[in-house]
Amino acid sequence: MSIDSDTPLYNGLTASVPGLPAAWYFDPAQHAREMATLWRKNWLYVARSEVFPNPGAFRTLTVGDQNYLVVRGRSGSLRGFHNTCRHRGSLLCEAAEGQLGVSGRIVCPYHQWTYDTEDGVLLRTSSFAEPEGFDKSVHGLFQVAVVEWRGCVFLHPDLDTPWDANTAFQRPADNFANFPLETMVVGHTWHAEMSCNWKTFWENFNECLHCPAVHPELTELVPLYGRRIIHPRDVPDWGVHVQSNDPRYRGGLRDGAETWSMDGSAQGHAIQSLTSEERARGQTYASTWPSVFIAGYADHVRIVSLRPLGPERTELVAEWLFQPETLADSTYNIENVVDFGRLVMEQDAKACELNQRGLHAAPLKAGVLMPEEYLVERFHNWIRAGLVL
């Protein structure tokens, strides 16, 4: 990234930067390459820990042609496996989520091979006899790495990859230190499918040039976004307004607003562990590519994960997290928060689909990045660096 030496704190790009090749957003071969690299060599978000309340509770995750199984073992720890039987490759668990039977064991629905949830060891086959040379100990399930981080469950297809939040998050999670993530609970979940490439979504997330035209309600709540930027230092003359208390220049929410909601109100449920500076910030983000970003607000947290369904199809899942006492308050209007977040994401989805449709133009070889799109450049560099088989 190029930085103007005269204004060392200026965030923007100072030289013209080409975007990714247009064909990378719809070419099946490129999509397969990304699935085999970027989506197999990075930590992937699965769900919140609360969806695995008891031993035997499981979730499956399909990414491209790979299917994974995460289950809470008998010891209470989460375990992860490729969701495939070692007999002839059948899926073990077809449902997206559920609870194993009373035995607490993984039983293949095809030929009833049975595995232990703790380490995936093969316990028994369904044959009358096992042939000479067959060794159950080498036919256990293929394991993947699983970690619980602050109430969030991630998996890595490589069992030997250690978890390190400092490297797993490209947009660091330090700003969430005072959020009680471990004890917050999901109050609402929203699913959507977008007719766009997964990278199109991430590009949209990492810039605000689109904000005034696409998000009129959001730019009214976050006036800085109305200037088409995401940080006060995203314009060359940022220093002129460094002492300003106007939210158009200092950032944060409009005067009088507390959180991302339809009326800007936190309804008396601001998170007390946050500092006044953190509440005044309005919003904070952490992201780990390619699968999830976490957004923190004064009274809630929103986790948005995505999953490619094809070169031009992406699933989006949003989870709104609240403190238990917030959800226990019968006067708290959760729709005030959810409706605003959903509105913004629906607007983003429409913009991403519009972008996707235009990428097929035969003369278009690649786009070009503008100064405010420095985070998009960072994402593109991550893509290029990760496409090594």
Protein backbone atom coordinates (compact mmCIF):
# COMPACT_ATOMS: atom_id res chain seq x y z
CA MET A 1 0.00 0.00 0.00
CA SER A 2 1.34 3.44 -0.94
CA ILE A 3 1.32 6.17 1.74
CA ASP A 4 1.84 9.85 1.02
CA SER A 5 5.06 10.83 2.83
CA ASP A 6 3.76 14.33 3.52
CA THR A 7 0.76 13.00 5.48
CA PRO A 8 2.02 9.76 7.06
CA LEU A 9 -1.30 9.08 8.78
CA TYR A 10 -3.36 9.35 5.60
CA ASN A 11 -4.96 5.96 4.95
CA GLY A 12 -5.70 6.26 1.25
CA LEU A 13 -3.96 4.80 -1.76
CA THR A 14 -1.76 7.33 -3.56
CA ALA A 15 -1.21 5.36 -6.76
CA SER A 16 -3.57 3.68 -9.21
CA VAL A 17 -4.06 0.01 -8.33
CA PRO A 18 -5.74 -2.56 -10.60
CA GLY A 19 -8.42 -4.83 -9.18
CA LEU A 20 -8.60 -8.58 -9.51
CA PRO A 21 -9.29 -10.04 -12.96
CA ALA A 22 -13.00 -9.79 -13.74
CA ALA A 23 -13.15 -13.49 -14.67
CA TRP A 24 -12.14 -14.42 -11.12
CA TYR A 25 -15.66 -13.52 -10.03
CA PHE A 26 -17.46 -16.04 -12.24
CA ASP A 27 -15.01 -18.53 -13.76
CA PRO A 28 -15.70 -22.06 -12.39
CA ALA A 29 -12.03 -23.05 -12.57
CA GLN A 30 -10.99 -20.01 -10.55
CA HIS A 31 -13.74 -20.71 -8.05
CA ALA A 32 -12.49 -24.29 -7.63
CA ARG A 33 -8.97 -22.97 -7.11
CA GLU A 34 -10.16 -20.66 -4.34
CA MET A 35 -12.09 -23.46 -2.67
CA ALA A 36 -8.96 -25.63 -2.69
CA THR A 37 -6.73 -22.92 -1.22
CA LEU A 38 -8.33 -19.95 0.53
CA TRP A 39 -11.21 -21.98 1.96
CA ARG A 40 -9.05 -24.92 3.04
CA LYS A 41 -6.06 -23.06 4.45
CA ASN A 42 -7.78 -20.63 6.80
CA TRP A 43 -9.93 -20.76 9.92
CA LEU A 44 -13.64 -20.92 9.13
CA TYR A 45 -16.47 -19.77 11.37
CA VAL A 46 -18.95 -22.51 12.30
CA ALA A 47 -21.39 -21.19 14.92
CA ARG A 48 -21.71 -19.97 18.48
CA SER A 49 -20.76 -22.39 21.26
CA GLU A 50 -24.31 -22.31 22.60
CA VAL A 51 -25.58 -24.44 19.70
CA PHE A 52 -23.56 -27.34 21.17
CA PRO A 53 -25.19 -27.43 24.63
CA ASN A 54 -24.69 -31.14 25.39
CA PRO A 55 -22.42 -34.04 24.42
CA GLY A 56 -23.57 -35.34 21.05
CA ALA A 57 -24.82 -31.97 19.77
CA PHE A 58 -23.48 -31.44 16.24
CA ARG A 59 -23.32 -29.05 13.33
CA THR A 60 -22.26 -29.69 9.75
CA LEU A 61 -20.60 -27.14 7.47
CA THR A 62 -20.42 -27.46 3.69
CA VAL A 63 -17.77 -25.41 1.91
CA GLY A 64 -17.51 -26.11 -1.80
CA ASP A 65 -17.25 -29.88 -2.18
CA GLN A 66 -16.04 -30.36 1.39
CA ASN A 67 -18.34 -31.22 4.28
CA TYR A 68 -17.27 -30.98 7.91
CA LEU A 69 -18.80 -32.26 11.14
CA VAL A 70 -18.35 -30.54 14.51
CA VAL A 71 -19.66 -32.38 17.56
CA ARG A 72 -19.43 -31.96 21.32
CA GLY A 73 -17.63 -35.04 22.61
CA ARG A 74 -18.28 -37.03 25.75
CA SER A 75 -15.66 -35.00 27.63
CA GLY A 76 -17.44 -31.75 26.79
CA SER A 77 -14.84 -30.56 24.28
CA LEU A 78 -15.68 -29.86 20.67
CA ARG A 79 -14.26 -32.20 18.04
CA GLY A 80 -14.16 -31.81 14.27
CA PHE A 81 -14.06 -34.31 11.42
CA HIS A 82 -14.53 -34.58 7.71
CA ASN A 83 -18.14 -35.68 7.42
CA THR A 84 -17.31 -38.87 5.56
CA CYS A 85 -17.36 -42.54 6.50
CA ARG A 86 -14.09 -44.43 6.07
CA HIS A 87 -15.93 -47.42 4.60
CA ARG A 88 -16.99 -46.11 1.19
CA GLY A 89 -17.31 -42.38 1.78
CA SER A 90 -20.94 -41.84 2.76
CA LEU A 91 -21.96 -38.70 4.61
CA LEU A 92 -22.23 -39.44 8.31
CA CYS A 93 -24.61 -36.65 9.31
CA GLU A 94 -26.90 -35.23 6.64
CA ALA A 95 -28.70 -32.66 8.78
CA ALA A 96 -27.27 -29.18 9.26
CA GLU A 97 -27.56 -29.60 13.02
CA GLY A 98 -28.88 -32.08 15.52
CA GLN A 99 -28.21 -34.42 18.41
CA LEU A 100 -26.61 -37.84 18.14
CA GLY A 101 -28.47 -40.86 19.46
CA VAL A 102 -28.43 -42.08 23.05
CA SER A 103 -25.12 -43.89 22.48
CA GLY A 104 -23.46 -40.55 21.78
CA ARG A 105 -21.60 -42.19 18.92
CA ILE A 106 -21.38 -41.30 15.26
CA VAL A 107 -23.12 -44.01 13.23
CA CYS A 108 -22.98 -44.02 9.45
CA PRO A 109 -26.56 -44.16 8.11
CA TYR A 110 -25.47 -46.28 5.13
CA HIS A 111 -23.68 -49.34 6.56
CA GLN A 112 -23.68 -48.47 10.28
CA TRP A 113 -19.95 -48.15 10.83
CA THR A 114 -19.67 -46.59 14.30
CA TYR A 115 -17.16 -44.01 15.52
CA ASP A 116 -16.29 -42.40 18.84
CA THR A 117 -16.99 -38.67 19.16
CA GLU A 118 -13.82 -37.97 21.13
CA ASP A 119 -11.20 -38.91 18.56
CA GLY A 120 -13.15 -40.39 15.65
CA VAL A 121 -11.78 -43.88 16.25
CA LEU A 122 -13.65 -46.67 14.46
CA LEU A 123 -15.44 -48.74 17.11
CA ARG A 124 -17.10 -51.34 14.93
CA THR A 125 -18.15 -52.25 11.41
CA SER A 126 -21.35 -54.04 10.42
CA SER A 127 -19.68 -57.04 8.80
CA PHE A 128 -19.92 -60.52 10.28
CA ALA A 129 -16.14 -60.73 10.15
CA GLU A 130 -13.31 -58.38 9.38
CA PRO A 131 -10.99 -59.45 6.55
CA GLU A 132 -7.37 -60.34 7.04
CA GLY A 133 -5.21 -57.23 7.04
CA PHE A 134 -8.02 -54.88 8.08
CA ASP A 135 -7.07 -52.69 11.04
CA LYS A 136 -9.80 -50.60 12.69
CA SER A 137 -7.20 -48.36 14.30
CA VAL A 138 -6.18 -46.87 10.93
CA HIS A 139 -9.75 -46.33 9.72
CA GLY A 140 -10.86 -43.63 12.11
CA LEU A 141 -12.44 -40.40 10.92
CA PHE A 142 -10.28 -37.72 9.35
CA GLN A 143 -9.94 -35.02 12.00
CA VAL A 144 -9.93 -31.24 11.56
CA ALA A 145 -8.89 -28.57 14.05
CA VAL A 146 -11.63 -26.96 16.14
CA VAL A 147 -11.36 -24.10 18.62
CA GLU A 148 -13.77 -22.18 20.83
CA TRP A 149 -12.76 -18.53 20.95
CA ARG A 150 -14.83 -16.28 23.20
CA GLY A 151 -17.99 -18.25 22.54
CA CYS A 152 -17.35 -18.57 18.79
CA VAL A 153 -16.50 -21.90 17.14
CA PHE A 154 -13.98 -22.05 14.31
CA LEU A 155 -12.54 -24.97 12.37
CA HIS A 156 -9.46 -25.43 10.22
CA PRO A 157 -9.25 -28.30 7.72
CA ASP A 158 -5.63 -28.90 8.78
CA LEU A 159 -5.66 -30.61 12.17
CA ASP A 160 -2.16 -29.43 13.00
CA THR A 161 -2.83 -25.71 12.54
CA PRO A 162 -2.63 -23.89 15.90
CA TRP A 163 -5.16 -21.17 16.73
CA ASP A 164 -3.73 -17.68 17.11
CA ALA A 165 -6.25 -14.84 17.18
CA ASN A 166 -3.45 -12.38 16.34
CA THR A 167 -2.98 -14.01 12.95
CA ALA A 168 -6.44 -15.47 12.36
CA PHE A 169 -8.05 -12.02 12.31
CA GLN A 170 -6.96 -9.70 9.51
CA ARG A 171 -8.97 -6.92 11.09
CA PRO A 172 -7.94 -7.51 14.73
CA ALA A 173 -10.36 -8.30 17.51
CA ASP A 174 -8.59 -6.15 20.12
CA ASN A 175 -11.50 -3.69 20.20
CA PHE A 176 -13.74 -6.47 21.56
CA ALA A 177 -11.78 -6.93 24.79
CA ASN A 178 -14.52 -5.22 26.85
CA PHE A 179 -17.44 -6.91 25.10
CA PRO A 180 -18.78 -9.87 27.15
CA LEU A 181 -18.76 -12.14 24.09
CA GLU A 182 -18.50 -15.34 26.11
CA THR A 183 -21.80 -14.78 27.92
CA MET A 184 -23.80 -13.06 25.18
CA VAL A 185 -26.48 -15.17 23.50
CA VAL A 186 -28.05 -15.29 20.06
CA GLY A 187 -31.37 -13.46 20.02
CA HIS A 188 -32.06 -13.62 16.29
CA THR A 189 -30.63 -15.33 13.20
CA TRP A 190 -31.18 -14.30 9.58
CA HIS A 191 -30.33 -16.25 6.42
CA ALA A 192 -30.09 -14.95 2.85
CA GLU A 193 -28.68 -16.00 -0.51
CA MET A 194 -27.00 -13.50 -2.79
CA SER A 195 -26.46 -13.85 -6.53
CA CYS A 196 -22.84 -12.77 -6.37
CA ASN A 197 -19.35 -14.09 -5.85
CA TRP A 198 -18.16 -14.24 -2.24
CA LYS A 199 -15.33 -11.79 -2.99
CA THR A 200 -17.85 -9.21 -4.23
CA PHE A 201 -19.42 -9.21 -0.78
CA TRP A 202 -16.09 -8.69 1.00
CA GLU A 203 -15.13 -5.84 -1.31
CA ASN A 204 -18.40 -4.08 -0.58
CA PHE A 205 -17.86 -4.55 3.16
CA ASN A 206 -14.40 -2.99 3.00
CA GLU A 207 -15.32 0.38 1.49
CA CYS A 208 -17.92 3.11 1.88
CA LEU A 209 -17.80 4.82 -1.50
CA HIS A 210 -21.18 3.21 -2.06
CA CYS A 211 -22.69 4.30 1.25
CA PRO A 212 -24.53 7.57 0.35
CA ALA A 213 -26.24 6.02 -2.69
CA VAL A 214 -26.94 2.58 -1.20
CA HIS A 215 -27.44 3.28 2.54
CA PRO A 216 -29.36 6.53 3.14
CA GLU A 217 -30.52 5.38 6.59
CA LEU A 218 -27.03 4.27 7.62
CA THR A 219 -25.35 7.47 6.49
CA GLU A 220 -27.90 9.43 8.51
CA LEU A 221 -26.96 7.37 11.59
CA VAL A 222 -23.20 7.40 10.87
CA PRO A 223 -22.54 10.82 9.26
CA LEU A 224 -18.90 9.98 8.45
CA TYR A 225 -20.16 7.31 6.04
CA GLY A 226 -22.03 10.04 4.21
CA ARG A 227 -18.63 11.39 3.15
CA ARG A 228 -17.96 8.00 1.45
CA ILE A 229 -15.23 7.08 3.95
CA ILE A 230 -14.92 4.68 6.89
CA HIS A 231 -12.25 6.51 8.91
CA PRO A 232 -11.50 10.22 9.46
CA ARG A 233 -8.02 9.76 7.95
CA ASP A 234 -9.37 8.46 4.64
CA VAL A 235 -9.11 11.93 3.02
CA PRO A 236 -5.81 13.76 2.37
CA ASP A 237 -6.81 16.89 4.34
CA TRP A 238 -8.01 14.96 7.38
CA GLY A 239 -5.84 17.11 9.66
CA VAL A 240 -7.93 20.21 8.99
CA HIS A 241 -10.80 18.71 10.98
CA VAL A 242 -8.83 16.80 13.60
CA GLN A 243 -10.27 18.90 16.45
CA SER A 244 -13.83 18.84 15.16
CA ASN A 245 -16.65 17.41 17.27
CA ASP A 246 -18.87 17.08 14.23
CA PRO A 247 -19.54 13.33 13.67
CA ARG A 248 -19.11 13.94 9.95
CA TYR A 249 -15.41 14.43 10.69
CA ARG A 250 -14.67 12.72 14.01
CA GLY A 251 -16.72 9.60 13.30
CA GLY A 252 -19.19 7.87 15.58
CA LEU A 253 -22.96 8.07 15.51
CA ARG A 254 -25.10 11.15 15.00
CA ASP A 255 -25.64 13.26 18.09
CA GLY A 256 -28.14 11.61 20.42
CA ALA A 257 -27.86 8.13 18.86
CA GLU A 258 -26.55 5.18 20.90
CA THR A 259 -26.48 2.15 18.65
CA TRP A 260 -27.34 0.67 15.25
CA SER A 261 -31.14 0.51 15.46
CA MET A 262 -34.11 1.98 13.65
CA ASP A 263 -34.32 4.91 16.08
CA GLY A 264 -30.71 4.91 17.29
CA SER A 265 -31.77 3.97 20.83
CA ALA A 266 -30.18 1.26 22.99
CA GLN A 267 -33.40 1.17 25.03
CA GLY A 268 -31.52 1.42 28.32
CA HIS A 269 -29.43 -1.69 27.63
CA ALA A 270 -25.97 -0.36 26.79
CA ILE A 271 -23.23 -2.84 27.69
CA GLN A 272 -21.85 -1.53 30.97
CA SER A 273 -18.41 -3.12 30.55
CA LEU A 274 -17.73 -0.80 27.60
CA THR A 275 -15.93 2.46 28.25
CA SER A 276 -17.56 5.76 27.35
CA GLU A 277 -15.06 6.06 24.49
CA GLU A 278 -16.05 2.64 23.17
CA ARG A 279 -19.74 3.48 23.29
CA ALA A 280 -19.06 6.81 21.58
CA ARG A 281 -17.23 5.02 18.75
CA GLY A 282 -20.58 3.73 17.53
CA GLN A 283 -19.32 0.57 15.88
CA THR A 284 -16.23 -1.59 15.81
CA TYR A 285 -15.26 -4.53 13.62
CA ALA A 286 -13.11 -7.65 13.51
CA SER A 287 -12.88 -9.93 10.49
CA THR A 288 -11.22 -13.18 9.61
CA TRP A 289 -11.17 -13.93 5.91
CA PRO A 290 -12.69 -15.65 4.16
CA SER A 291 -15.69 -16.51 6.32
CA VAL A 292 -16.82 -13.98 8.95
CA PHE A 293 -16.86 -10.51 10.41
CA ILE A 294 -17.92 -9.45 13.89
CA ALA A 295 -19.50 -6.05 14.50
CA GLY A 296 -19.81 -4.56 17.97
CA TYR A 297 -22.25 -1.85 19.06
CA ALA A 298 -23.20 -0.26 22.38
CA ASP A 299 -25.91 -2.83 23.19
CA HIS A 300 -25.33 -5.82 20.92
CA VAL A 301 -22.97 -7.71 18.64
CA ARG A 302 -23.67 -8.91 15.11
CA ILE A 303 -21.80 -11.86 13.59
CA VAL A 304 -22.06 -12.14 9.81
CA SER A 305 -20.69 -15.25 8.12
CA LEU A 306 -20.68 -16.21 4.47
CA ARG A 307 -20.31 -19.41 2.51
CA PRO A 308 -19.83 -19.82 -1.25
CA LEU A 309 -22.55 -21.86 -2.93
CA GLY A 310 -20.97 -21.51 -6.36
CA PRO A 311 -19.00 -18.99 -8.44
CA GLU A 312 -21.92 -16.56 -8.39
CA ARG A 313 -23.92 -17.65 -5.38
CA THR A 314 -23.21 -16.87 -1.71
CA GLU A 315 -25.05 -17.69 1.50
CA LEU A 316 -25.13 -15.04 4.21
CA VAL A 317 -25.97 -15.75 7.87
CA ALA A 318 -26.30 -13.00 10.49
CA GLU A 319 -26.54 -13.65 14.24
CA TRP A 320 -27.49 -10.89 16.68
CA LEU A 321 -26.00 -11.37 20.15
CA PHE A 322 -27.36 -9.73 23.29
CA GLN A 323 -26.73 -9.88 27.00
CA PRO A 324 -29.10 -12.37 28.67
CA GLU A 325 -30.66 -9.62 30.79
CA THR A 326 -31.46 -7.64 27.64
CA LEU A 327 -33.43 -10.53 26.14
CA ALA A 328 -35.10 -11.17 29.50
CA ASP A 329 -36.54 -7.64 29.50
CA SER A 330 -40.07 -7.93 28.09
CA THR A 331 -40.04 -4.23 27.18
CA TYR A 332 -36.95 -4.54 24.99
CA ASN A 333 -37.86 -4.34 21.30
CA ILE A 334 -35.37 -6.60 19.52
CA GLU A 335 -36.85 -5.70 16.12
CA ASN A 336 -35.55 -2.16 16.60
CA VAL A 337 -32.02 -3.56 16.27
CA VAL A 338 -32.63 -6.48 13.90
CA ASP A 339 -34.66 -4.52 11.36
CA PHE A 340 -31.94 -1.92 10.97
CA GLY A 341 -29.16 -4.46 10.54
CA ARG A 342 -31.22 -6.46 8.07
CA LEU A 343 -32.04 -3.31 6.09
CA VAL A 344 -28.34 -2.50 5.69
CA MET A 345 -27.47 -6.06 4.66
CA GLU A 346 -30.33 -6.26 2.16
CA GLN A 347 -29.13 -3.01 0.61
CA ASP A 348 -25.60 -4.40 0.45
CA ALA A 349 -26.83 -7.63 -1.14
CA LYS A 350 -28.67 -5.71 -3.85
CA ALA A 351 -25.55 -3.65 -4.60
CA CYS A 352 -23.37 -6.78 -4.72
CA GLU A 353 -25.75 -8.47 -7.14
CA LEU A 354 -25.73 -5.37 -9.35
CA ASN A 355 -21.93 -5.40 -9.32
CA GLN A 356 -21.84 -9.11 -10.13
CA ARG A 357 -24.08 -8.77 -13.18
CA GLY A 358 -21.80 -6.18 -14.74
CA LEU A 359 -18.61 -8.19 -14.35
CA HIS A 360 -19.43 -10.38 -17.35
CA ALA A 361 -18.90 -7.56 -19.86
CA ALA A 362 -16.53 -8.98 -22.49
CA PRO A 363 -14.22 -5.92 -22.69
CA LEU A 364 -13.80 -5.70 -18.90
CA LYS A 365 -10.55 -7.31 -17.85
CA ALA A 366 -10.26 -5.78 -14.37
CA GLY A 367 -11.52 -2.84 -12.37
CA VAL A 368 -9.41 -0.17 -10.69
CA LEU A 369 -9.22 0.83 -7.04
CA MET A 370 -9.66 4.38 -5.83
CA PRO A 371 -7.81 5.96 -2.87
CA GLU A 372 -10.55 5.15 -0.31
CA GLU A 373 -10.41 1.45 -1.20
CA TYR A 374 -7.19 0.66 0.67
CA LEU A 375 -8.89 -2.16 2.60
CA VAL A 376 -10.08 -3.65 -0.69
CA GLU A 377 -6.46 -3.61 -1.87
CA ARG A 378 -5.43 -5.38 1.33
CA PHE A 379 -8.11 -8.02 0.67
CA HIS A 380 -6.95 -8.44 -2.94
CA ASN A 381 -3.35 -8.91 -1.80
CA TRP A 382 -4.53 -11.56 0.65
CA ILE A 383 -6.35 -13.33 -2.18
CA ARG A 384 -3.33 -13.33 -4.46
CA ALA A 385 -0.97 -14.52 -1.73
CA GLY A 386 -3.28 -17.35 -0.72
CA LEU A 387 -3.86 -18.87 -4.16
CA VAL A 388 -0.96 -21.25 -3.92
CA LEU A 389 -1.95 -24.90 -4.05
